[in-house]
Amino acid sequence: MTTDKTAADELHVDMTNVLPRLKRAHGQLAGVMAMIESGRDCKDVLTQLAAVSKAIDAAGFAVISSGLEQCIARGEAGLDDRARLEKLFHAFA
């Protein structure tokens, strides 16, 4: 059985601060869905949806930031690490 490693796996990115952000975004998204189901005003829904989007973006940037920190801390930001970080960044962008 083979496992495909992602760029994040290869860099051993610390996800401890990412999961709470995603859980918060999940709760916000559930709130947006409830707003839509209850017929709330479109402006209110869009405001909350923008907040969800920003929360998810923040989680993505936390992943990238963690990868950069690890490369700098190791002092070995070689071509392989740069390529992996670039792959992570492009997957997020």
C-alpha atoms as a PDB file:
ATOM      1  CA  MET A   1       0.000   0.000   0.000  1.00  0.00           C
ATOM      2  CA  THR A   2       1.446   3.363  -0.996  1.00  0.00           C
ATOM      3  CA  THR A   3       0.735   6.717   0.517  1.00  0.00           C
ATOM      4  CA  ASP A   4       1.023   9.946  -1.383  1.00  0.00           C
ATOM      5  CA  LYS A   5       2.825  12.598   0.612  1.00  0.00           C
ATOM      6  CA  THR A   6       1.681  16.148   0.285  1.00  0.00           C
ATOM      7  CA  ALA A   7       3.965  19.170   0.346  1.00  0.00           C
ATOM      8  CA  ALA A   8       2.806  19.862   3.916  1.00  0.00           C
ATOM      9  CA  ASP A   9       3.681  16.298   4.987  1.00  0.00           C
ATOM     10  CA  GLU A  10       7.132  16.541   3.472  1.00  0.00           C
ATOM     11  CA  LEU A  11       7.854  19.756   5.375  1.00  0.00           C
ATOM     12  CA  HIS A  12       6.337  18.378   8.619  1.00  0.00           C
ATOM     13  CA  VAL A  13       4.207  21.482   9.023  1.00  0.00           C
ATOM     14  CA  ASP A  14       2.888  22.099  12.539  1.00  0.00           C
ATOM     15  CA  MET A  15      -0.902  21.962  12.358  1.00  0.00           C
ATOM     16  CA  THR A  16      -1.608  22.623  16.052  1.00  0.00           C
ATOM     17  CA  ASN A  17      -2.673  26.221  15.448  1.00  0.00           C
ATOM     18  CA  VAL A  18      -4.420  25.440  12.158  1.00  0.00           C
ATOM     19  CA  LEU A  19      -7.063  23.039  13.442  1.00  0.00           C
ATOM     20  CA  PRO A  20      -8.655  25.527  15.888  1.00  0.00           C
ATOM     21  CA  ARG A  21      -8.874  28.081  13.070  1.00  0.00           C
ATOM     22  CA  LEU A  22     -10.597  25.557  10.822  1.00  0.00           C
ATOM     23  CA  LYS A  23     -12.981  24.529  13.600  1.00  0.00           C
ATOM     24  CA  ARG A  24     -13.884  28.188  14.094  1.00  0.00           C
ATOM     25  CA  ALA A  25     -14.465  28.580  10.348  1.00  0.00           C
ATOM     26  CA  HIS A  26     -16.595  25.425  10.409  1.00  0.00           C
ATOM     27  CA  GLY A  27     -18.781  26.949  13.116  1.00  0.00           C
ATOM     28  CA  GLN A  28     -19.029  30.207  11.196  1.00  0.00           C
ATOM     29  CA  LEU A  29     -20.028  28.336   8.044  1.00  0.00           C
ATOM     30  CA  ALA A  30     -22.722  26.444   9.947  1.00  0.00           C
ATOM     31  CA  GLY A  31     -24.006  29.821  11.098  1.00  0.00           C
ATOM     32  CA  VAL A  32     -24.086  31.100   7.516  1.00  0.00           C
ATOM     33  CA  MET A  33     -26.040  28.039   6.432  1.00  0.00           C
ATOM     34  CA  ALA A  34     -28.536  28.599   9.248  1.00  0.00           C
ATOM     35  CA  MET A  35     -28.867  32.249   8.206  1.00  0.00           C
ATOM     36  CA  ILE A  36     -29.673  31.211   4.640  1.00  0.00           C
ATOM     37  CA  GLU A  37     -32.168  28.579   5.800  1.00  0.00           C
ATOM     38  CA  SER A  38     -33.952  31.120   7.986  1.00  0.00           C
ATOM     39  CA  GLY A  39     -34.125  33.669   5.178  1.00  0.00           C
ATOM     40  CA  ARG A  40     -31.794  36.274   6.663  1.00  0.00           C
ATOM     41  CA  ASP A  41     -30.911  39.390   4.703  1.00  0.00           C
ATOM     42  CA  CYS A  42     -28.422  38.866   1.877  1.00  0.00           C
ATOM     43  CA  LYS A  43     -26.081  41.570   3.221  1.00  0.00           C
ATOM     44  CA  ASP A  44     -25.835  39.829   6.599  1.00  0.00           C
ATOM     45  CA  VAL A  45     -25.173  36.474   4.926  1.00  0.00           C
ATOM     46  CA  LEU A  46     -22.443  37.934   2.723  1.00  0.00           C
ATOM     47  CA  THR A  47     -20.783  39.632   5.689  1.00  0.00           C
ATOM     48  CA  GLN A  48     -20.590  36.340   7.561  1.00  0.00           C
ATOM     49  CA  LEU A  49     -19.488  34.451   4.451  1.00  0.00           C
ATOM     50  CA  ALA A  50     -16.613  36.915   4.039  1.00  0.00           C
ATOM     51  CA  ALA A  51     -15.603  36.194   7.645  1.00  0.00           C
ATOM     52  CA  VAL A  52     -15.545  32.450   6.902  1.00  0.00           C
ATOM     53  CA  SER A  53     -13.391  33.051   3.846  1.00  0.00           C
ATOM     54  CA  LYS A  54     -10.911  35.134   5.853  1.00  0.00           C
ATOM     55  CA  ALA A  55     -10.736  32.464   8.558  1.00  0.00           C
ATOM     56  CA  ILE A  56      -9.902  29.791   5.990  1.00  0.00           C
ATOM     57  CA  ASP A  57      -7.316  32.072   4.373  1.00  0.00           C
ATOM     58  CA  ALA A  58      -5.723  32.635   7.785  1.00  0.00           C
ATOM     59  CA  ALA A  59      -5.472  28.874   8.309  1.00  0.00           C
ATOM     60  CA  GLY A  60      -3.776  28.478   4.930  1.00  0.00           C
ATOM     61  CA  PHE A  61      -1.295  31.225   5.678  1.00  0.00           C
ATOM     62  CA  ALA A  62      -0.552  29.597   9.046  1.00  0.00           C
ATOM     63  CA  VAL A  63       0.416  26.395   7.211  1.00  0.00           C
ATOM     64  CA  ILE A  64       2.708  28.300   4.861  1.00  0.00           C
ATOM     65  CA  SER A  65       4.182  30.327   7.722  1.00  0.00           C
ATOM     66  CA  SER A  66       4.956  27.177   9.687  1.00  0.00           C
ATOM     67  CA  GLY A  67       6.777  25.709   6.704  1.00  0.00           C
ATOM     68  CA  LEU A  68       8.846  28.862   6.287  1.00  0.00           C
ATOM     69  CA  GLU A  69       9.724  28.941   9.983  1.00  0.00           C
ATOM     70  CA  GLN A  70      10.930  25.350   9.856  1.00  0.00           C
ATOM     71  CA  CYS A  71      13.127  26.010   6.831  1.00  0.00           C
ATOM     72  CA  ILE A  72      14.681  29.041   8.507  1.00  0.00           C
ATOM     73  CA  ALA A  73      15.136  27.257  11.846  1.00  0.00           C
ATOM     74  CA  ARG A  74      16.919  24.360  10.164  1.00  0.00           C
ATOM     75  CA  GLY A  75      19.088  26.770   8.235  1.00  0.00           C
ATOM     76  CA  GLU A  76      18.788  24.503   5.231  1.00  0.00           C
ATOM     77  CA  ALA A  77      16.422  26.338   2.949  1.00  0.00           C
ATOM     78  CA  GLY A  78      17.723  24.490  -0.055  1.00  0.00           C
ATOM     79  CA  LEU A  79      16.149  24.154  -3.449  1.00  0.00           C
ATOM     80  CA  ASP A  80      14.025  21.180  -2.374  1.00  0.00           C
ATOM     81  CA  ASP A  81      12.528  23.095   0.553  1.00  0.00           C
ATOM     82  CA  ARG A  82      11.893  26.132  -1.607  1.00  0.00           C
ATOM     83  CA  ALA A  83      10.185  23.983  -4.222  1.00  0.00           C
ATOM     84  CA  ARG A  84       8.004  22.342  -1.575  1.00  0.00           C
ATOM     85  CA  LEU A  85       7.036  25.708  -0.091  1.00  0.00           C
ATOM     86  CA  GLU A  86       6.277  27.066  -3.537  1.00  0.00           C
ATOM     87  CA  LYS A  87       4.081  24.026  -4.187  1.00  0.00           C
ATOM     88  CA  LEU A  88       2.257  24.652  -0.893  1.00  0.00           C
ATOM     89  CA  PHE A  89       1.778  28.308  -1.715  1.00  0.00           C
ATOM     90  CA  HIS A  90       0.437  27.610  -5.199  1.00  0.00           C
ATOM     91  CA  ALA A  91      -1.940  24.972  -3.853  1.00  0.00           C
ATOM     92  CA  PHE A  92      -3.326  27.605  -1.495  1.00  0.00           C
ATOM     93  CA  ALA A  93      -3.426  30.539  -3.909  1.00  0.00           C
END
